[in-house]
Amino acid sequence: SIGLALFVYCVGISAGNRFFGALKREGS
């Protein structure tokens, strides 16, 4: 459980700065 929470949190931090931008830009 500790590993799961830590892993997905870091994945989210890494992807967050591109995820929403990729969805709304013309490059979507």
mmCIF file of all heavy atoms, coordinates in Angstrom:
data_MODEL
# 
_entry.id   MODEL 
# 
loop_
_atom_site.group_PDB 
_atom_site.id 
_atom_site.type_symbol 
_atom_site.label_atom_id 
_atom_site.label_alt_id 
_atom_site.label_comp_id 
_atom_site.label_asym_id 
_atom_site.label_entity_id 
_atom_site.label_seq_id 
_atom_site.pdbx_PDB_ins_code 
_atom_site.Cartn_x 
_atom_site.Cartn_y 
_atom_site.Cartn_z 
_atom_site.occupancy 
_atom_site.B_iso_or_equiv 
_atom_site.pdbx_formal_charge 
_atom_site.auth_seq_id 
_atom_site.auth_comp_id 
_atom_site.auth_asym_id 
_atom_site.auth_atom_id 
_atom_site.pdbx_PDB_model_num 
ATOM 1   N N   . SER A 1 1  ? 0.830  -1.209 0.000   1.00 0.00 ? 1  SER A N   1 
ATOM 2   C CA  . SER A 1 1  ? 0.000  0.000  0.000   1.00 0.00 ? 1  SER A CA  1 
ATOM 3   C C   . SER A 1 1  ? 0.864  1.259  0.000   1.00 0.00 ? 1  SER A C   1 
ATOM 4   O O   . SER A 1 1  ? 0.565  2.234  -0.704  1.00 0.00 ? 1  SER A O   1 
ATOM 5   C CB  . SER A 1 1  ? -0.911 0.002  1.235   1.00 0.00 ? 1  SER A CB  1 
ATOM 6   O OG  . SER A 1 1  ? -1.800 -1.093 1.203   1.00 0.00 ? 1  SER A OG  1 
ATOM 7   N N   . ILE A 1 2  ? 1.942  1.242  0.788   1.00 0.00 ? 2  ILE A N   1 
ATOM 8   C CA  . ILE A 1 2  ? 2.864  2.386  0.818   1.00 0.00 ? 2  ILE A CA  1 
ATOM 9   C C   . ILE A 1 2  ? 3.494  2.580  -0.560  1.00 0.00 ? 2  ILE A C   1 
ATOM 10  O O   . ILE A 1 2  ? 3.551  3.697  -1.089  1.00 0.00 ? 2  ILE A O   1 
ATOM 11  C CB  . ILE A 1 2  ? 3.960  2.177  1.881   1.00 0.00 ? 2  ILE A CB  1 
ATOM 12  C CG1 . ILE A 1 2  ? 3.342  2.142  3.274   1.00 0.00 ? 2  ILE A CG1 1 
ATOM 13  C CG2 . ILE A 1 2  ? 5.016  3.271  1.792   1.00 0.00 ? 2  ILE A CG2 1 
ATOM 14  C CD1 . ILE A 1 2  ? 4.319  1.754  4.369   1.00 0.00 ? 2  ILE A CD1 1 
ATOM 15  N N   . GLY A 1 3  ? 3.950  1.473  -1.147  1.00 0.00 ? 3  GLY A N   1 
ATOM 16  C CA  . GLY A 1 3  ? 4.572  1.550  -2.460  1.00 0.00 ? 3  GLY A CA  1 
ATOM 17  C C   . GLY A 1 3  ? 3.606  2.035  -3.525  1.00 0.00 ? 3  GLY A C   1 
ATOM 18  O O   . GLY A 1 3  ? 3.963  2.862  -4.377  1.00 0.00 ? 3  GLY A O   1 
ATOM 19  N N   . LEU A 1 4  ? 2.359  1.546  -3.479  1.00 0.00 ? 4  LEU A N   1 
ATOM 20  C CA  . LEU A 1 4  ? 1.344  1.932  -4.458  1.00 0.00 ? 4  LEU A CA  1 
ATOM 21  C C   . LEU A 1 4  ? 1.081  3.435  -4.415  1.00 0.00 ? 4  LEU A C   1 
ATOM 22  O O   . LEU A 1 4  ? 1.081  4.121  -5.441  1.00 0.00 ? 4  LEU A O   1 
ATOM 23  C CB  . LEU A 1 4  ? 0.060  1.155  -4.197  1.00 0.00 ? 4  LEU A CB  1 
ATOM 24  C CG  . LEU A 1 4  ? -1.182 1.561  -5.000  1.00 0.00 ? 4  LEU A CG  1 
ATOM 25  C CD1 . LEU A 1 4  ? -0.914 1.449  -6.489  1.00 0.00 ? 4  LEU A CD1 1 
ATOM 26  C CD2 . LEU A 1 4  ? -2.378 0.700  -4.603  1.00 0.00 ? 4  LEU A CD2 1 
ATOM 27  N N   . ALA A 1 5  ? 0.846  3.968  -3.206  1.00 0.00 ? 5  ALA A N   1 
ATOM 28  C CA  . ALA A 1 5  ? 0.551  5.394  -3.051  1.00 0.00 ? 5  ALA A CA  1 
ATOM 29  C C   . ALA A 1 5  ? 1.718  6.251  -3.532  1.00 0.00 ? 5  ALA A C   1 
ATOM 30  O O   . ALA A 1 5  ? 1.534  7.241  -4.244  1.00 0.00 ? 5  ALA A O   1 
ATOM 31  C CB  . ALA A 1 5  ? 0.228  5.708  -1.590  1.00 0.00 ? 5  ALA A CB  1 
ATOM 32  N N   . LEU A 1 6  ? 2.928  5.860  -3.177  1.00 0.00 ? 6  LEU A N   1 
ATOM 33  C CA  . LEU A 1 6  ? 4.120  6.623  -3.559  1.00 0.00 ? 6  LEU A CA  1 
ATOM 34  C C   . LEU A 1 6  ? 4.326  6.574  -5.073  1.00 0.00 ? 6  LEU A C   1 
ATOM 35  O O   . LEU A 1 6  ? 4.639  7.597  -5.708  1.00 0.00 ? 6  LEU A O   1 
ATOM 36  C CB  . LEU A 1 6  ? 5.334  6.037  -2.842  1.00 0.00 ? 6  LEU A CB  1 
ATOM 37  C CG  . LEU A 1 6  ? 6.591  6.905  -2.715  1.00 0.00 ? 6  LEU A CG  1 
ATOM 38  C CD1 . LEU A 1 6  ? 6.284  8.217  -2.025  1.00 0.00 ? 6  LEU A CD1 1 
ATOM 39  C CD2 . LEU A 1 6  ? 7.666  6.145  -1.942  1.00 0.00 ? 6  LEU A CD2 1 
ATOM 40  N N   . PHE A 1 7  ? 4.122  5.417  -5.650  1.00 0.00 ? 7  PHE A N   1 
ATOM 41  C CA  . PHE A 1 7  ? 4.337  5.242  -7.083  1.00 0.00 ? 7  PHE A CA  1 
ATOM 42  C C   . PHE A 1 7  ? 3.361  6.078  -7.909  1.00 0.00 ? 7  PHE A C   1 
ATOM 43  O O   . PHE A 1 7  ? 3.773  6.854  -8.783  1.00 0.00 ? 7  PHE A O   1 
ATOM 44  C CB  . PHE A 1 7  ? 4.213  3.763  -7.441  1.00 0.00 ? 7  PHE A CB  1 
ATOM 45  C CG  . PHE A 1 7  ? 4.174  3.490  -8.916  1.00 0.00 ? 7  PHE A CG  1 
ATOM 46  C CD1 . PHE A 1 7  ? 5.274  3.759  -9.716  1.00 0.00 ? 7  PHE A CD1 1 
ATOM 47  C CD2 . PHE A 1 7  ? 3.041  2.967  -9.511  1.00 0.00 ? 7  PHE A CD2 1 
ATOM 48  C CE1 . PHE A 1 7  ? 5.253  3.513  -11.085 1.00 0.00 ? 7  PHE A CE1 1 
ATOM 49  C CE2 . PHE A 1 7  ? 3.005  2.715  -10.875 1.00 0.00 ? 7  PHE A CE2 1 
ATOM 50  C CZ  . PHE A 1 7  ? 4.108  2.987  -11.656 1.00 0.00 ? 7  PHE A CZ  1 
ATOM 51  N N   . VAL A 1 8  ? 2.062  5.932  -7.650  1.00 0.00 ? 8  VAL A N   1 
ATOM 52  C CA  . VAL A 1 8  ? 1.081  6.652  -8.474  1.00 0.00 ? 8  VAL A CA  1 
ATOM 53  C C   . VAL A 1 8  ? 1.166  8.158  -8.239  1.00 0.00 ? 8  VAL A C   1 
ATOM 54  O O   . VAL A 1 8  ? 0.892  8.957  -9.145  1.00 0.00 ? 8  VAL A O   1 
ATOM 55  C CB  . VAL A 1 8  ? -0.359 6.149  -8.215  1.00 0.00 ? 8  VAL A CB  1 
ATOM 56  C CG1 . VAL A 1 8  ? -0.500 4.693  -8.622  1.00 0.00 ? 8  VAL A CG1 1 
ATOM 57  C CG2 . VAL A 1 8  ? -0.785 6.338  -6.772  1.00 0.00 ? 8  VAL A CG2 1 
ATOM 58  N N   . TYR A 1 9  ? 1.564  8.586  -7.035  1.00 0.00 ? 9  TYR A N   1 
ATOM 59  C CA  . TYR A 1 9  ? 1.710  10.017 -6.761  1.00 0.00 ? 9  TYR A CA  1 
ATOM 60  C C   . TYR A 1 9  ? 2.835  10.597 -7.636  1.00 0.00 ? 9  TYR A C   1 
ATOM 61  O O   . TYR A 1 9  ? 2.672  11.661 -8.245  1.00 0.00 ? 9  TYR A O   1 
ATOM 62  C CB  . TYR A 1 9  ? 2.008  10.241 -5.281  1.00 0.00 ? 9  TYR A CB  1 
ATOM 63  C CG  . TYR A 1 9  ? 2.073  11.700 -4.884  1.00 0.00 ? 9  TYR A CG  1 
ATOM 64  C CD1 . TYR A 1 9  ? 0.904  12.417 -4.613  1.00 0.00 ? 9  TYR A CD1 1 
ATOM 65  C CD2 . TYR A 1 9  ? 3.284  12.362 -4.774  1.00 0.00 ? 9  TYR A CD2 1 
ATOM 66  C CE1 . TYR A 1 9  ? 0.952  13.747 -4.260  1.00 0.00 ? 9  TYR A CE1 1 
ATOM 67  C CE2 . TYR A 1 9  ? 3.346  13.698 -4.419  1.00 0.00 ? 9  TYR A CE2 1 
ATOM 68  C CZ  . TYR A 1 9  ? 2.175  14.391 -4.159  1.00 0.00 ? 9  TYR A CZ  1 
ATOM 69  O OH  . TYR A 1 9  ? 2.229  15.724 -3.811  1.00 0.00 ? 9  TYR A OH  1 
ATOM 70  N N   . CYS A 1 10 ? 3.957  9.903  -7.708  1.00 0.00 ? 10 CYS A N   1 
ATOM 71  C CA  . CYS A 1 10 ? 5.084  10.380 -8.524  1.00 0.00 ? 10 CYS A CA  1 
ATOM 72  C C   . CYS A 1 10 ? 4.746  10.336 -10.014 1.00 0.00 ? 10 CYS A C   1 
ATOM 73  O O   . CYS A 1 10 ? 5.159  11.214 -10.776 1.00 0.00 ? 10 CYS A O   1 
ATOM 74  C CB  . CYS A 1 10 ? 6.325  9.550  -8.237  1.00 0.00 ? 10 CYS A CB  1 
ATOM 75  S SG  . CYS A 1 10 ? 7.042  9.827  -6.612  1.00 0.00 ? 10 CYS A SG  1 
ATOM 76  N N   . VAL A 1 11 ? 3.984  9.333  -10.437 1.00 0.00 ? 11 VAL A N   1 
ATOM 77  C CA  . VAL A 1 11 ? 3.530  9.264  -11.826 1.00 0.00 ? 11 VAL A CA  1 
ATOM 78  C C   . VAL A 1 11 ? 2.670  10.482 -12.145 1.00 0.00 ? 11 VAL A C   1 
ATOM 79  O O   . VAL A 1 11 ? 2.814  11.116 -13.201 1.00 0.00 ? 11 VAL A O   1 
ATOM 80  C CB  . VAL A 1 11 ? 2.738  7.970  -12.096 1.00 0.00 ? 11 VAL A CB  1 
ATOM 81  C CG1 . VAL A 1 11 ? 2.015  8.039  -13.442 1.00 0.00 ? 11 VAL A CG1 1 
ATOM 82  C CG2 . VAL A 1 11 ? 3.671  6.769  -12.083 1.00 0.00 ? 11 VAL A CG2 1 
ATOM 83  N N   . GLY A 1 12 ? 1.771  10.843 -11.228 1.00 0.00 ? 12 GLY A N   1 
ATOM 84  C CA  . GLY A 1 12 ? 0.898  11.998 -11.427 1.00 0.00 ? 12 GLY A CA  1 
ATOM 85  C C   . GLY A 1 12 ? 1.664  13.303 -11.489 1.00 0.00 ? 12 GLY A C   1 
ATOM 86  O O   . GLY A 1 12 ? 1.388  14.168 -12.322 1.00 0.00 ? 12 GLY A O   1 
ATOM 87  N N   . ILE A 1 13 ? 2.642  13.466 -10.595 1.00 0.00 ? 13 ILE A N   1 
ATOM 88  C CA  . ILE A 1 13 ? 3.466  14.676 -10.599 1.00 0.00 ? 13 ILE A CA  1 
ATOM 89  C C   . ILE A 1 13 ? 4.208  14.799 -11.930 1.00 0.00 ? 13 ILE A C   1 
ATOM 90  O O   . ILE A 1 13 ? 4.316  15.877 -12.519 1.00 0.00 ? 13 ILE A O   1 
ATOM 91  C CB  . ILE A 1 13 ? 4.484  14.657 -9.433  1.00 0.00 ? 13 ILE A CB  1 
ATOM 92  C CG1 . ILE A 1 13 ? 3.771  14.826 -8.077  1.00 0.00 ? 13 ILE A CG1 1 
ATOM 93  C CG2 . ILE A 1 13 ? 5.549  15.738 -9.622  1.00 0.00 ? 13 ILE A CG2 1 
ATOM 94  C CD1 . ILE A 1 13 ? 3.169  16.201 -7.854  1.00 0.00 ? 13 ILE A CD1 1 
ATOM 95  N N   . SER A 1 14 ? 4.717  13.672 -12.429 1.00 0.00 ? 14 SER A N   1 
ATOM 96  C CA  . SER A 1 14 ? 5.470  13.664 -13.683 1.00 0.00 ? 14 SER A CA  1 
ATOM 97  C C   . SER A 1 14 ? 4.584  13.977 -14.878 1.00 0.00 ? 14 SER A C   1 
ATOM 98  O O   . SER A 1 14 ? 4.974  14.732 -15.774 1.00 0.00 ? 14 SER A O   1 
ATOM 99  C CB  . SER A 1 14 ? 6.129  12.297 -13.872 1.00 0.00 ? 14 SER A CB  1 
ATOM 100 O OG  . SER A 1 14 ? 6.751  12.202 -15.126 1.00 0.00 ? 14 SER A OG  1 
ATOM 101 N N   . ALA A 1 15 ? 3.380  13.402 -14.901 1.00 0.00 ? 15 ALA A N   1 
ATOM 102 C CA  . ALA A 1 15 ? 2.502  13.551 -16.064 1.00 0.00 ? 15 ALA A CA  1 
ATOM 103 C C   . ALA A 1 15 ? 1.653  14.807 -16.009 1.00 0.00 ? 15 ALA A C   1 
ATOM 104 O O   . ALA A 1 15 ? 1.190  15.285 -17.051 1.00 0.00 ? 15 ALA A O   1 
ATOM 105 C CB  . ALA A 1 15 ? 1.594  12.327 -16.187 1.00 0.00 ? 15 ALA A CB  1 
ATOM 106 N N   . GLY A 1 16 ? 1.447  15.374 -14.823 1.00 0.00 ? 16 GLY A N   1 
ATOM 107 C CA  . GLY A 1 16 ? 0.513  16.485 -14.655 1.00 0.00 ? 16 GLY A CA  1 
ATOM 108 C C   . GLY A 1 16 ? 0.807  17.690 -15.507 1.00 0.00 ? 16 GLY A C   1 
ATOM 109 O O   . GLY A 1 16 ? -0.106 18.340 -16.024 1.00 0.00 ? 16 GLY A O   1 
ATOM 110 N N   . ASN A 1 17 ? 2.104  18.015 -15.672 1.00 0.00 ? 17 ASN A N   1 
ATOM 111 C CA  . ASN A 1 17 ? 2.428  19.219 -16.427 1.00 0.00 ? 17 ASN A CA  1 
ATOM 112 C C   . ASN A 1 17 ? 2.211  19.066 -17.929 1.00 0.00 ? 17 ASN A C   1 
ATOM 113 O O   . ASN A 1 17 ? 2.303  20.046 -18.662 1.00 0.00 ? 17 ASN A O   1 
ATOM 114 C CB  . ASN A 1 17 ? 3.874  19.667 -16.151 1.00 0.00 ? 17 ASN A CB  1 
ATOM 115 C CG  . ASN A 1 17 ? 4.901  18.610 -16.499 1.00 0.00 ? 17 ASN A CG  1 
ATOM 116 O OD1 . ASN A 1 17 ? 4.561  17.575 -17.070 1.00 0.00 ? 17 ASN A OD1 1 
ATOM 117 N ND2 . ASN A 1 17 ? 6.140  18.848 -16.153 1.00 0.00 ? 17 ASN A ND2 1 
ATOM 118 N N   . ARG A 1 18 ? 1.916  17.839 -18.404 1.00 0.00 ? 18 ARG A N   1 
ATOM 119 C CA  . ARG A 1 18 ? 1.659  17.636 -19.833 1.00 0.00 ? 18 ARG A CA  1 
ATOM 120 C C   . ARG A 1 18 ? 0.260  17.084 -20.103 1.00 0.00 ? 18 ARG A C   1 
ATOM 121 O O   . ARG A 1 18 ? -0.267 17.246 -21.195 1.00 0.00 ? 18 ARG A O   1 
ATOM 122 C CB  . ARG A 1 18 ? 2.696  16.670 -20.430 1.00 0.00 ? 18 ARG A CB  1 
ATOM 123 C CG  . ARG A 1 18 ? 4.096  17.252 -20.479 1.00 0.00 ? 18 ARG A CG  1 
ATOM 124 C CD  . ARG A 1 18 ? 5.073  16.253 -21.076 1.00 0.00 ? 18 ARG A CD  1 
ATOM 125 N NE  . ARG A 1 18 ? 6.393  16.841 -21.232 1.00 0.00 ? 18 ARG A NE  1 
ATOM 126 C CZ  . ARG A 1 18 ? 7.310  16.857 -20.281 1.00 0.00 ? 18 ARG A CZ  1 
ATOM 127 N NH1 . ARG A 1 18 ? 7.046  16.309 -19.117 1.00 0.00 ? 18 ARG A NH1 1 
ATOM 128 N NH2 . ARG A 1 18 ? 8.488  17.413 -20.487 1.00 0.00 ? 18 ARG A NH2 1 
ATOM 129 N N   . PHE A 1 19 ? -0.337 16.432 -19.115 1.00 0.00 ? 19 PHE A N   1 
ATOM 130 C CA  . PHE A 1 19 ? -1.592 15.711 -19.340 1.00 0.00 ? 19 PHE A CA  1 
ATOM 131 C C   . PHE A 1 19 ? -2.712 16.640 -19.791 1.00 0.00 ? 19 PHE A C   1 
ATOM 132 O O   . PHE A 1 19 ? -3.324 16.458 -20.840 1.00 0.00 ? 19 PHE A O   1 
ATOM 133 C CB  . PHE A 1 19 ? -1.996 14.975 -18.065 1.00 0.00 ? 19 PHE A CB  1 
ATOM 134 C CG  . PHE A 1 19 ? -3.314 14.259 -18.164 1.00 0.00 ? 19 PHE A CG  1 
ATOM 135 C CD1 . PHE A 1 19 ? -3.453 13.167 -18.995 1.00 0.00 ? 19 PHE A CD1 1 
ATOM 136 C CD2 . PHE A 1 19 ? -4.416 14.682 -17.433 1.00 0.00 ? 19 PHE A CD2 1 
ATOM 137 C CE1 . PHE A 1 19 ? -4.664 12.497 -19.099 1.00 0.00 ? 19 PHE A CE1 1 
ATOM 138 C CE2 . PHE A 1 19 ? -5.617 14.031 -17.527 1.00 0.00 ? 19 PHE A CE2 1 
ATOM 139 C CZ  . PHE A 1 19 ? -5.751 12.933 -18.353 1.00 0.00 ? 19 PHE A CZ  1 
ATOM 140 N N   . PHE A 1 20 ? -3.001 17.678 -18.995 1.00 0.00 ? 20 PHE A N   1 
ATOM 141 C CA  . PHE A 1 20 ? -4.104 18.571 -19.324 1.00 0.00 ? 20 PHE A CA  1 
ATOM 142 C C   . PHE A 1 20 ? -3.782 19.414 -20.559 1.00 0.00 ? 20 PHE A C   1 
ATOM 143 O O   . PHE A 1 20 ? -4.665 19.696 -21.365 1.00 0.00 ? 20 PHE A O   1 
ATOM 144 C CB  . PHE A 1 20 ? -4.424 19.473 -18.131 1.00 0.00 ? 20 PHE A CB  1 
ATOM 145 C CG  . PHE A 1 20 ? -4.901 18.712 -16.930 1.00 0.00 ? 20 PHE A CG  1 
ATOM 146 C CD1 . PHE A 1 20 ? -4.060 18.492 -15.849 1.00 0.00 ? 20 PHE A CD1 1 
ATOM 147 C CD2 . PHE A 1 20 ? -6.181 18.195 -16.890 1.00 0.00 ? 20 PHE A CD2 1 
ATOM 148 C CE1 . PHE A 1 20 ? -4.496 17.777 -14.742 1.00 0.00 ? 20 PHE A CE1 1 
ATOM 149 C CE2 . PHE A 1 20 ? -6.629 17.477 -15.788 1.00 0.00 ? 20 PHE A CE2 1 
ATOM 150 C CZ  . PHE A 1 20 ? -5.785 17.261 -14.711 1.00 0.00 ? 20 PHE A CZ  1 
ATOM 151 N N   . GLY A 1 21 ? -2.509 19.797 -20.695 1.00 0.00 ? 21 GLY A N   1 
ATOM 152 C CA  . GLY A 1 21 ? -2.119 20.570 -21.866 1.00 0.00 ? 21 GLY A CA  1 
ATOM 153 C C   . GLY A 1 21 ? -2.289 19.782 -23.147 1.00 0.00 ? 21 GLY A C   1 
ATOM 154 O O   . GLY A 1 21 ? -2.719 20.315 -24.167 1.00 0.00 ? 21 GLY A O   1 
ATOM 155 N N   . ALA A 1 22 ? -1.960 18.493 -23.105 1.00 0.00 ? 22 ALA A N   1 
ATOM 156 C CA  . ALA A 1 22 ? -2.088 17.646 -24.293 1.00 0.00 ? 22 ALA A CA  1 
ATOM 157 C C   . ALA A 1 22 ? -3.546 17.478 -24.696 1.00 0.00 ? 22 ALA A C   1 
ATOM 158 O O   . ALA A 1 22 ? -3.857 17.304 -25.876 1.00 0.00 ? 22 ALA A O   1 
ATOM 159 C CB  . ALA A 1 22 ? -1.467 16.281 -24.029 1.00 0.00 ? 22 ALA A CB  1 
ATOM 160 N N   . LEU A 1 23 ? -4.452 17.547 -23.735 1.00 0.00 ? 23 LEU A N   1 
ATOM 161 C CA  . LEU A 1 23 ? -5.869 17.364 -24.023 1.00 0.00 ? 23 LEU A CA  1 
ATOM 162 C C   . LEU A 1 23 ? -6.497 18.598 -24.663 1.00 0.00 ? 23 LEU A C   1 
ATOM 163 O O   . LEU A 1 23 ? -7.447 18.498 -25.435 1.00 0.00 ? 23 LEU A O   1 
ATOM 164 C CB  . LEU A 1 23 ? -6.628 17.019 -22.736 1.00 0.00 ? 23 LEU A CB  1 
ATOM 165 C CG  . LEU A 1 23 ? -6.385 15.626 -22.157 1.00 0.00 ? 23 LEU A CG  1 
ATOM 166 C CD1 . LEU A 1 23 ? -7.170 15.458 -20.864 1.00 0.00 ? 23 LEU A CD1 1 
ATOM 167 C CD2 . LEU A 1 23 ? -6.776 14.540 -23.147 1.00 0.00 ? 23 LEU A CD2 1 
ATOM 168 N N   . LYS A 1 24 ? -5.976 19.799 -24.345 1.00 0.00 ? 24 LYS A N   1 
ATOM 169 C CA  . LYS A 1 24 ? -6.659 21.010 -24.804 1.00 0.00 ? 24 LYS A CA  1 
ATOM 170 C C   . LYS A 1 24 ? -5.966 21.719 -25.968 1.00 0.00 ? 24 LYS A C   1 
ATOM 171 O O   . LYS A 1 24 ? -6.586 22.534 -26.637 1.00 0.00 ? 24 LYS A O   1 
ATOM 172 C CB  . LYS A 1 24 ? -6.855 21.980 -23.643 1.00 0.00 ? 24 LYS A CB  1 
ATOM 173 C CG  . LYS A 1 24 ? -5.677 22.825 -23.276 1.00 0.00 ? 24 LYS A CG  1 
ATOM 174 C CD  . LYS A 1 24 ? -6.037 23.801 -22.161 1.00 0.00 ? 24 LYS A CD  1 
ATOM 175 C CE  . LYS A 1 24 ? -4.831 24.666 -21.800 1.00 0.00 ? 24 LYS A CE  1 
ATOM 176 N NZ  . LYS A 1 24 ? -5.125 25.609 -20.715 1.00 0.00 ? 24 LYS A NZ  1 
ATOM 177 N N   . ARG A 1 25 ? -4.684 21.431 -26.227 1.00 0.00 ? 25 ARG A N   1 
ATOM 178 C CA  . ARG A 1 25 ? -3.999 22.108 -27.315 1.00 0.00 ? 25 ARG A CA  1 
ATOM 179 C C   . ARG A 1 25 ? -4.450 21.557 -28.663 1.00 0.00 ? 25 ARG A C   1 
ATOM 180 O O   . ARG A 1 25 ? -5.063 20.507 -28.769 1.00 0.00 ? 25 ARG A O   1 
ATOM 181 C CB  . ARG A 1 25 ? -2.482 21.936 -27.189 1.00 0.00 ? 25 ARG A CB  1 
ATOM 182 C CG  . ARG A 1 25 ? -1.846 22.841 -26.183 1.00 0.00 ? 25 ARG A CG  1 
ATOM 183 C CD  . ARG A 1 25 ? -0.349 22.890 -26.429 1.00 0.00 ? 25 ARG A CD  1 
ATOM 184 N NE  . ARG A 1 25 ? 0.217  21.575 -26.628 1.00 0.00 ? 25 ARG A NE  1 
ATOM 185 C CZ  . ARG A 1 25 ? 0.632  20.799 -25.642 1.00 0.00 ? 25 ARG A CZ  1 
ATOM 186 N NH1 . ARG A 1 25 ? 0.531  21.201 -24.397 1.00 0.00 ? 25 ARG A NH1 1 
ATOM 187 N NH2 . ARG A 1 25 ? 1.129  19.612 -25.895 1.00 0.00 ? 25 ARG A NH2 1 
ATOM 188 N N   . GLU A 1 26 ? -4.105 22.247 -29.704 1.00 0.00 ? 26 GLU A N   1 
ATOM 189 C CA  . GLU A 1 26 ? -4.417 21.769 -31.049 1.00 0.00 ? 26 GLU A CA  1 
ATOM 190 C C   . GLU A 1 26 ? -3.729 20.440 -31.326 1.00 0.00 ? 26 GLU A C   1 
ATOM 191 O O   . GLU A 1 26 ? -4.161 19.645 -32.137 1.00 0.00 ? 26 GLU A O   1 
ATOM 192 C CB  . GLU A 1 26 ? -3.979 22.813 -32.085 1.00 0.00 ? 26 GLU A CB  1 
ATOM 193 C CG  . GLU A 1 26 ? -4.829 24.074 -32.054 1.00 0.00 ? 26 GLU A CG  1 
ATOM 194 C CD  . GLU A 1 26 ? -4.408 25.060 -33.108 1.00 0.00 ? 26 GLU A CD  1 
ATOM 195 O OE1 . GLU A 1 26 ? -3.547 24.714 -33.943 1.00 0.00 ? 26 GLU A OE1 1 
ATOM 196 O OE2 . GLU A 1 26 ? -4.936 26.173 -33.105 1.00 0.00 ? 26 GLU A OE2 1 
ATOM 197 N N   . GLY A 1 27 ? -2.637 20.207 -30.608 1.00 0.00 ? 27 GLY A N   1 
ATOM 198 C CA  . GLY A 1 27 ? -1.929 18.946 -30.756 1.00 0.00 ? 27 GLY A CA  1 
ATOM 199 C C   . GLY A 1 27 ? -2.654 17.797 -30.081 1.00 0.00 ? 27 GLY A C   1 
ATOM 200 O O   . GLY A 1 27 ? -2.093 16.720 -29.928 1.00 0.00 ? 27 GLY A O   1 
ATOM 201 N N   . SER A 1 28 ? -3.908 18.023 -29.657 1.00 0.00 ? 28 SER A N   1 
ATOM 202 C CA  . SER A 1 28 ? -4.667 16.972 -28.973 1.00 0.00 ? 28 SER A CA  1 
ATOM 203 C C   . SER A 1 28 ? -4.948 15.797 -29.892 1.00 0.00 ? 28 SER A C   1 
ATOM 204 O O   . SER A 1 28 ? -5.460 14.777 -29.451 1.00 0.00 ? 28 SER A O   1 
ATOM 205 C CB  . SER A 1 28 ? -5.984 17.535 -28.434 1.00 0.00 ? 28 SER A CB  1 
ATOM 206 O OG  . SER A 1 28 ? -6.796 18.011 -29.505 1.00 0.00 ? 28 SER A OG  1 
# 
